[in-house]
Amino acid sequence: MKVDRLVSIIMILLDKKRIGAQELADMFEVAPRTIYRDIDAINMAGIPVRSTSGVGGGFEIMEEYKIDKKVFSADDLSALLMGLSSLSNMIRGDELVHALAKVKSFIPADKAKDIALKVNQIYIDLSPWIGNSNIQPYLELIKTALQDSKLLTFEYIAHHGNKTVRTVEPYQLVLKSSHWYLYGVCHNRNEFRLFRLSRISNLQMHEEIFTPRDYQKPQLDFDAMWAAMQTRIKIRIHESVMDRVLDFCTYEDFSSDGDEHYIVNFPFTENDYYYDILLSFGNKCECLEPLPIRAEIKRRIYDIAAIYES
């Protein structure tokens, strides 16, 4: 695999004073021209490799670039590799490949197997099971706009399906709960807003450059607010949806009700999102109390049924 070969070449160059193209080609059983392409790729990654011709010539990493590999412990390198690998599931591009190659170049040969074992013990995949095909090109375009301070325009679907055209000064990309958000100043509202990328369409970058303003990071921790808003309702569920219900509460909230059912003390906030959660369990879930919420669920079920009766 090319990436593995590149990392191996970097490690060799860090350990050796100088090595020739033919010697590297013999090591990896490839043609010398492949080694030259690999050296170009390593240089593009930001690792300065120079070549010298003549007797005793070859490739070497500039001396001032070399760093003592003992700067990082095995645990440090394992943590860095796990973090970068998890991001590579969400962000494509050369930057992460180059970063991974650089971190791997610090791994001493005698520690490589131990570090590889530690990294493989934990696998972090932040990407959703079913992705939006527009997300990746949108991420790349937003990253460019962030770096160059350029305005973005897009169509945005807000609550209740309302579609509006927004012009935004981008300030930050936010990954929260496997979803990407754009944080920036909305010119329509003249204030900072969070925009979920999956609700964005027709994203375009302007040539116009804006002057960045001071800003605070977005408020992303809503635990205290949700705790104040939430109440507990009593639902009766069939065991077949128990795994899904456990996504929203703990096993301590369950009590057995016969051979196949459970009574659940379920956390609930009275809004469309939570009503939709309960309805998603279909006929495997019944709201027992409080009665006003039970009545509202019943009304929503009648509304759904009416669509199919007409």
Protein backbone atom coordinates (compact mmCIF):
# COMPACT_ATOMS: atom_id res chain seq x y z
CA MET A 1 0.00 0.00 0.00
CA LYS A 2 1.41 3.40 -1.01
CA VAL A 3 0.76 5.15 2.32
CA ASP A 4 2.53 2.38 4.24
CA ARG A 5 5.51 2.62 1.88
CA LEU A 6 5.65 6.41 2.28
CA VAL A 7 5.63 6.10 6.07
CA SER A 8 8.35 3.45 5.93
CA ILE A 9 10.53 5.66 3.70
CA ILE A 10 10.11 8.58 6.14
CA MET A 11 11.13 6.36 9.06
CA ILE A 12 14.20 5.15 7.14
CA LEU A 13 15.19 8.73 6.25
CA LEU A 14 14.82 9.80 9.89
CA ASP A 15 17.07 6.95 11.02
CA LYS A 16 19.70 7.11 8.27
CA LYS A 17 21.99 9.93 7.23
CA ARG A 18 21.47 9.28 3.52
CA ILE A 19 20.15 6.50 1.27
CA GLY A 20 20.06 6.02 -2.49
CA ALA A 21 17.02 5.55 -4.74
CA GLN A 22 18.17 2.13 -5.93
CA GLU A 23 18.63 0.87 -2.36
CA LEU A 24 15.10 2.03 -1.46
CA ALA A 25 13.74 0.47 -4.66
CA ASP A 26 15.36 -2.86 -3.75
CA MET A 27 13.94 -2.68 -0.22
CA PHE A 28 10.36 -2.18 -1.39
CA GLU A 29 10.63 -4.18 -4.63
CA VAL A 30 9.55 -1.29 -6.84
CA ALA A 31 11.17 0.64 -9.68
CA PRO A 32 13.44 3.61 -8.87
CA ARG A 33 11.00 5.94 -10.66
CA THR A 34 8.35 4.90 -8.10
CA ILE A 35 10.72 5.94 -5.31
CA TYR A 36 11.20 9.34 -6.95
CA ARG A 37 7.42 9.81 -7.06
CA ASP A 38 7.22 8.79 -3.40
CA ILE A 39 9.89 11.37 -2.48
CA ASP A 40 7.87 14.05 -4.33
CA ALA A 41 4.77 13.05 -2.33
CA ILE A 42 6.74 13.24 0.95
CA ASN A 43 7.97 16.73 0.04
CA MET A 44 4.39 17.79 -0.76
CA ALA A 45 3.40 16.58 2.72
CA GLY A 46 5.74 19.20 4.17
CA ILE A 47 8.66 16.92 5.06
CA PRO A 48 11.77 18.44 3.38
CA VAL A 49 13.74 15.73 1.56
CA ARG A 50 16.71 16.77 -0.54
CA SER A 51 18.75 14.74 -2.98
CA THR A 52 22.47 14.80 -3.69
CA SER A 53 24.10 13.33 -6.78
CA GLY A 54 27.41 11.56 -7.29
CA VAL A 55 29.23 8.94 -5.26
CA GLY A 56 27.65 8.55 -1.84
CA GLY A 57 24.65 10.60 -2.92
CA GLY A 58 21.01 9.89 -2.30
CA PHE A 59 18.06 11.20 -0.33
CA GLU A 60 18.16 12.75 3.13
CA ILE A 61 15.85 14.74 5.38
CA MET A 62 17.18 18.21 6.19
CA GLU A 63 18.99 18.01 9.51
CA GLU A 64 17.13 20.96 11.08
CA TYR A 65 13.83 19.15 10.47
CA LYS A 66 14.76 16.02 12.42
CA ILE A 67 13.21 15.71 15.87
CA ASP A 68 14.09 13.33 18.65
CA LYS A 69 11.52 10.54 18.43
CA LYS A 70 11.60 10.21 22.22
CA VAL A 71 9.64 13.47 22.46
CA PHE A 72 6.44 11.38 22.19
CA SER A 73 5.72 8.33 24.32
CA ALA A 74 3.96 5.26 22.91
CA ASP A 75 0.73 6.40 24.60
CA ASP A 76 1.10 9.90 23.08
CA LEU A 77 1.51 8.49 19.58
CA SER A 78 -1.37 6.03 20.04
CA ALA A 79 -3.70 8.85 21.13
CA LEU A 80 -2.65 11.07 18.21
CA LEU A 81 -3.15 8.29 15.68
CA MET A 82 -6.58 7.36 17.08
CA GLY A 83 -7.70 10.98 16.94
CA LEU A 84 -6.46 11.57 13.40
CA SER A 85 -7.86 8.25 12.18
CA SER A 86 -11.32 9.05 13.58
CA LEU A 87 -11.29 12.41 11.79
CA SER A 88 -10.29 10.72 8.53
CA ASN A 89 -13.72 9.05 8.52
CA MET A 90 -15.33 12.50 8.39
CA ILE A 91 -12.89 14.66 6.46
CA ARG A 92 -11.29 13.64 3.19
CA GLY A 93 -8.24 15.31 1.72
CA ASP A 94 -4.47 15.37 1.69
CA GLU A 95 -4.10 17.29 4.96
CA LEU A 96 -5.07 14.35 7.17
CA VAL A 97 -3.11 11.82 5.10
CA HIS A 98 -0.04 14.01 5.47
CA ALA A 99 -0.65 14.51 9.19
CA LEU A 100 -1.01 10.76 9.73
CA ALA A 101 2.21 10.16 7.80
CA LYS A 102 4.07 12.71 9.93
CA VAL A 103 2.86 11.23 13.22
CA LYS A 104 3.73 7.71 12.06
CA SER A 105 7.21 8.92 11.18
CA PHE A 106 7.87 9.43 14.91
CA ILE A 107 7.19 5.78 15.75
CA PRO A 108 10.41 3.97 16.69
CA ALA A 109 10.77 0.64 14.93
CA ASP A 110 10.86 -1.29 18.22
CA LYS A 111 7.55 0.32 19.32
CA ALA A 112 5.65 0.03 16.03
CA LYS A 113 3.91 -3.28 16.80
CA ASP A 114 2.87 -2.20 20.31
CA ILE A 115 1.48 1.13 19.07
CA ALA A 116 -0.38 -0.52 16.17
CA LEU A 117 -2.00 -2.92 18.66
CA LYS A 118 -3.14 -0.06 20.92
CA VAL A 119 -4.52 1.98 18.01
CA ASN A 120 -6.50 -1.00 16.67
CA GLN A 121 -8.02 -1.75 20.09
CA ILE A 122 -10.25 1.33 19.78
CA TYR A 123 -11.98 2.26 16.53
CA ILE A 124 -13.75 5.61 16.34
CA ASP A 125 -16.05 6.29 13.40
CA LEU A 126 -17.85 9.62 13.68
CA SER A 127 -19.58 9.35 10.31
CA PRO A 128 -23.33 8.55 10.21
CA TRP A 129 -24.58 5.15 8.99
CA ILE A 130 -26.32 6.83 6.08
CA GLY A 131 -24.58 9.94 4.80
CA ASN A 132 -25.51 12.96 2.73
CA SER A 133 -23.53 12.85 -0.53
CA ASN A 134 -23.32 16.67 -0.57
CA ILE A 135 -21.56 16.94 2.79
CA GLN A 136 -17.97 16.27 1.67
CA PRO A 137 -17.81 18.82 -1.18
CA TYR A 138 -19.62 21.31 1.06
CA LEU A 139 -17.01 20.79 3.80
CA GLU A 140 -14.21 21.49 1.35
CA LEU A 141 -15.91 24.65 0.03
CA ILE A 142 -16.61 25.94 3.56
CA LYS A 143 -13.00 25.26 4.60
CA THR A 144 -11.82 27.40 1.67
CA ALA A 145 -14.27 30.17 2.60
CA LEU A 146 -13.05 30.05 6.22
CA GLN A 147 -9.41 30.33 5.20
CA ASP A 148 -10.04 33.18 2.72
CA SER A 149 -12.80 35.02 4.70
CA LYS A 150 -15.24 34.80 1.81
CA LEU A 151 -19.03 35.04 2.03
CA LEU A 152 -21.24 32.00 1.45
CA THR A 153 -24.75 31.89 0.01
CA PHE A 154 -27.08 28.87 0.25
CA GLU A 155 -30.66 27.73 0.53
CA TYR A 156 -31.58 26.56 4.01
CA ILE A 157 -34.50 24.42 5.18
CA ALA A 158 -35.45 25.50 8.70
CA HIS A 159 -38.25 24.34 10.99
CA HIS A 160 -41.51 23.23 9.38
CA GLY A 161 -39.85 23.01 5.97
CA ASN A 162 -39.42 26.76 5.50
CA LYS A 163 -36.79 27.34 2.77
CA THR A 164 -34.89 30.63 2.73
CA VAL A 165 -31.80 31.96 0.96
CA ARG A 166 -29.04 32.90 3.41
CA THR A 167 -25.85 34.90 3.05
CA VAL A 168 -23.38 34.04 5.81
CA GLU A 169 -19.94 35.06 7.05
CA PRO A 170 -18.37 31.68 7.98
CA TYR A 171 -16.41 31.47 11.24
CA GLN A 172 -16.34 27.83 12.31
CA LEU A 173 -17.15 24.27 11.26
CA VAL A 174 -18.68 22.31 14.14
CA LEU A 175 -19.02 18.53 14.43
CA LYS A 176 -21.66 17.65 17.02
CA SER A 177 -23.32 14.26 17.49
CA SER A 178 -22.15 13.02 14.06
CA HIS A 179 -23.59 16.08 12.31
CA TRP A 180 -21.70 18.96 10.74
CA TYR A 181 -22.75 22.57 11.37
CA LEU A 182 -21.63 25.91 9.98
CA TYR A 183 -21.33 28.68 12.57
CA GLY A 184 -21.38 32.20 11.21
CA VAL A 185 -23.07 35.57 10.94
CA CYS A 186 -26.32 35.38 9.00
CA HIS A 187 -26.82 38.63 7.08
CA ASN A 188 -30.59 37.98 6.98
CA ARG A 189 -30.76 38.02 10.81
CA ASN A 190 -27.60 40.05 11.47
CA GLU A 191 -26.51 37.64 14.21
CA PHE A 192 -24.51 34.45 14.74
CA ARG A 193 -26.37 31.28 13.82
CA LEU A 194 -25.70 27.53 13.55
CA PHE A 195 -26.63 25.92 10.23
CA ARG A 196 -26.80 22.14 9.87
CA LEU A 197 -25.03 21.12 6.66
CA SER A 198 -27.55 18.39 5.81
CA ARG A 199 -30.21 21.13 5.49
CA ILE A 200 -28.10 23.25 3.12
CA SER A 201 -28.42 23.18 -0.66
CA ASN A 202 -26.99 25.18 -3.57
CA LEU A 203 -23.97 26.28 -1.55
CA GLN A 204 -21.91 28.95 -3.33
CA MET A 205 -18.85 30.94 -2.35
CA HIS A 206 -18.60 34.64 -3.24
CA GLU A 207 -15.45 36.40 -4.39
CA GLU A 208 -16.34 39.13 -1.92
CA ILE A 209 -14.14 39.11 1.20
CA PHE A 210 -15.50 40.13 4.61
CA THR A 211 -13.63 41.54 7.59
CA PRO A 212 -13.75 38.97 10.42
CA ARG A 213 -15.31 40.23 13.62
CA ASP A 214 -14.79 39.09 17.22
CA TYR A 215 -16.97 36.16 18.15
CA GLN A 216 -17.63 33.67 20.90
CA LYS A 217 -17.79 29.95 20.31
CA PRO A 218 -21.33 28.59 19.87
CA GLN A 219 -23.21 27.21 22.87
CA LEU A 220 -23.19 23.46 22.30
CA ASP A 221 -23.77 22.03 25.77
CA PHE A 222 -27.51 21.98 26.38
CA ASP A 223 -27.59 19.39 29.17
CA ALA A 224 -28.65 21.83 31.88
CA MET A 225 -31.27 23.44 29.64
CA TRP A 226 -32.73 20.09 28.54
CA ALA A 227 -32.79 18.83 32.12
CA ALA A 228 -34.89 21.84 33.13
CA MET A 229 -37.31 21.32 30.23
CA GLN A 230 -37.64 17.53 30.48
CA THR A 231 -40.26 15.60 32.36
CA ARG A 232 -40.84 11.87 32.77
CA ILE A 233 -43.69 9.97 31.18
CA LYS A 234 -44.76 6.37 31.63
CA ILE A 235 -44.81 4.18 28.52
CA ARG A 236 -45.42 0.46 28.01
CA ILE A 237 -43.25 -1.14 25.34
CA HIS A 238 -42.82 -4.54 23.73
CA GLU A 239 -39.42 -6.17 24.21
CA SER A 240 -38.77 -5.98 20.44
CA VAL A 241 -38.13 -2.19 20.66
CA MET A 242 -36.21 -2.30 23.93
CA ASP A 243 -32.84 -1.71 22.22
CA ARG A 244 -34.15 1.44 20.52
CA VAL A 245 -35.73 2.80 23.72
CA LEU A 246 -32.38 2.33 25.49
CA ASP A 247 -30.95 5.00 23.17
CA PHE A 248 -32.90 7.57 25.23
CA CYS A 249 -32.78 6.22 28.78
CA THR A 250 -31.07 3.60 30.93
CA TYR A 251 -31.98 0.07 31.95
CA GLU A 252 -32.72 1.37 35.46
CA ASP A 253 -35.78 3.12 33.96
CA PHE A 254 -37.30 -0.26 32.99
CA SER A 255 -39.55 -2.52 35.06
CA SER A 256 -40.90 -5.83 33.82
CA ASP A 257 -44.60 -6.07 32.91
CA GLY A 258 -45.28 -9.68 32.04
CA ASP A 259 -43.19 -11.92 29.81
CA GLU A 260 -42.79 -9.61 26.80
CA HIS A 261 -43.44 -6.05 27.98
CA TYR A 262 -41.82 -3.34 30.08
CA ILE A 263 -43.01 -0.20 31.81
CA VAL A 264 -40.50 2.59 31.14
CA ASN A 265 -39.96 5.86 32.97
CA PHE A 266 -39.17 7.73 29.75
CA PRO A 267 -37.52 11.21 29.55
CA PHE A 268 -39.73 13.49 27.48
CA THR A 269 -39.89 17.08 26.28
CA GLU A 270 -43.16 18.23 24.79
CA ASN A 271 -42.17 19.04 21.23
CA ASP A 272 -42.44 17.47 17.76
CA TYR A 273 -39.09 15.72 18.06
CA TYR A 274 -40.10 13.67 21.12
CA TYR A 275 -43.61 12.94 19.84
CA ASP A 276 -42.01 11.62 16.64
CA ILE A 277 -39.73 9.37 18.71
CA LEU A 278 -42.72 7.77 20.46
CA LEU A 279 -44.64 7.39 17.20
CA SER A 280 -41.60 5.73 15.61
CA PHE A 281 -42.07 2.75 17.94
CA GLY A 282 -45.42 2.08 16.25
CA ASN A 283 -47.78 -0.38 17.91
CA LYS A 284 -44.95 -1.61 20.16
CA CYS A 285 -45.33 1.41 22.44
CA GLU A 286 -48.24 2.86 24.42
CA CYS A 287 -48.13 6.07 26.42
CA LEU A 288 -49.88 5.41 29.73
CA GLU A 289 -49.51 8.78 31.42
CA PRO A 290 -49.79 11.71 31.79
CA LEU A 291 -53.18 11.81 30.09
CA PRO A 292 -52.65 15.09 28.14
CA ILE A 293 -49.61 13.62 26.34
CA ARG A 294 -51.46 10.35 25.74
CA ALA A 295 -54.33 12.37 24.20
CA GLU A 296 -51.93 14.33 21.96
CA ILE A 297 -50.33 11.12 20.67
CA LYS A 298 -53.80 9.74 19.95
CA ARG A 299 -54.67 12.91 17.98
CA ARG A 300 -51.49 12.64 15.91
CA ILE A 301 -52.23 8.98 15.14
CA TYR A 302 -55.73 9.94 13.93
CA ASP A 303 -54.20 12.63 11.69
CA ILE A 304 -51.84 10.07 10.16
CA ALA A 305 -54.65 7.57 9.65
CA ALA A 306 -56.79 10.25 7.96
CA ILE A 307 -54.18 10.66 5.23
CA TYR A 308 -54.58 7.01 4.22
CA GLU A 309 -58.36 7.06 4.44
CA SER A 310 -58.83 9.92 1.98
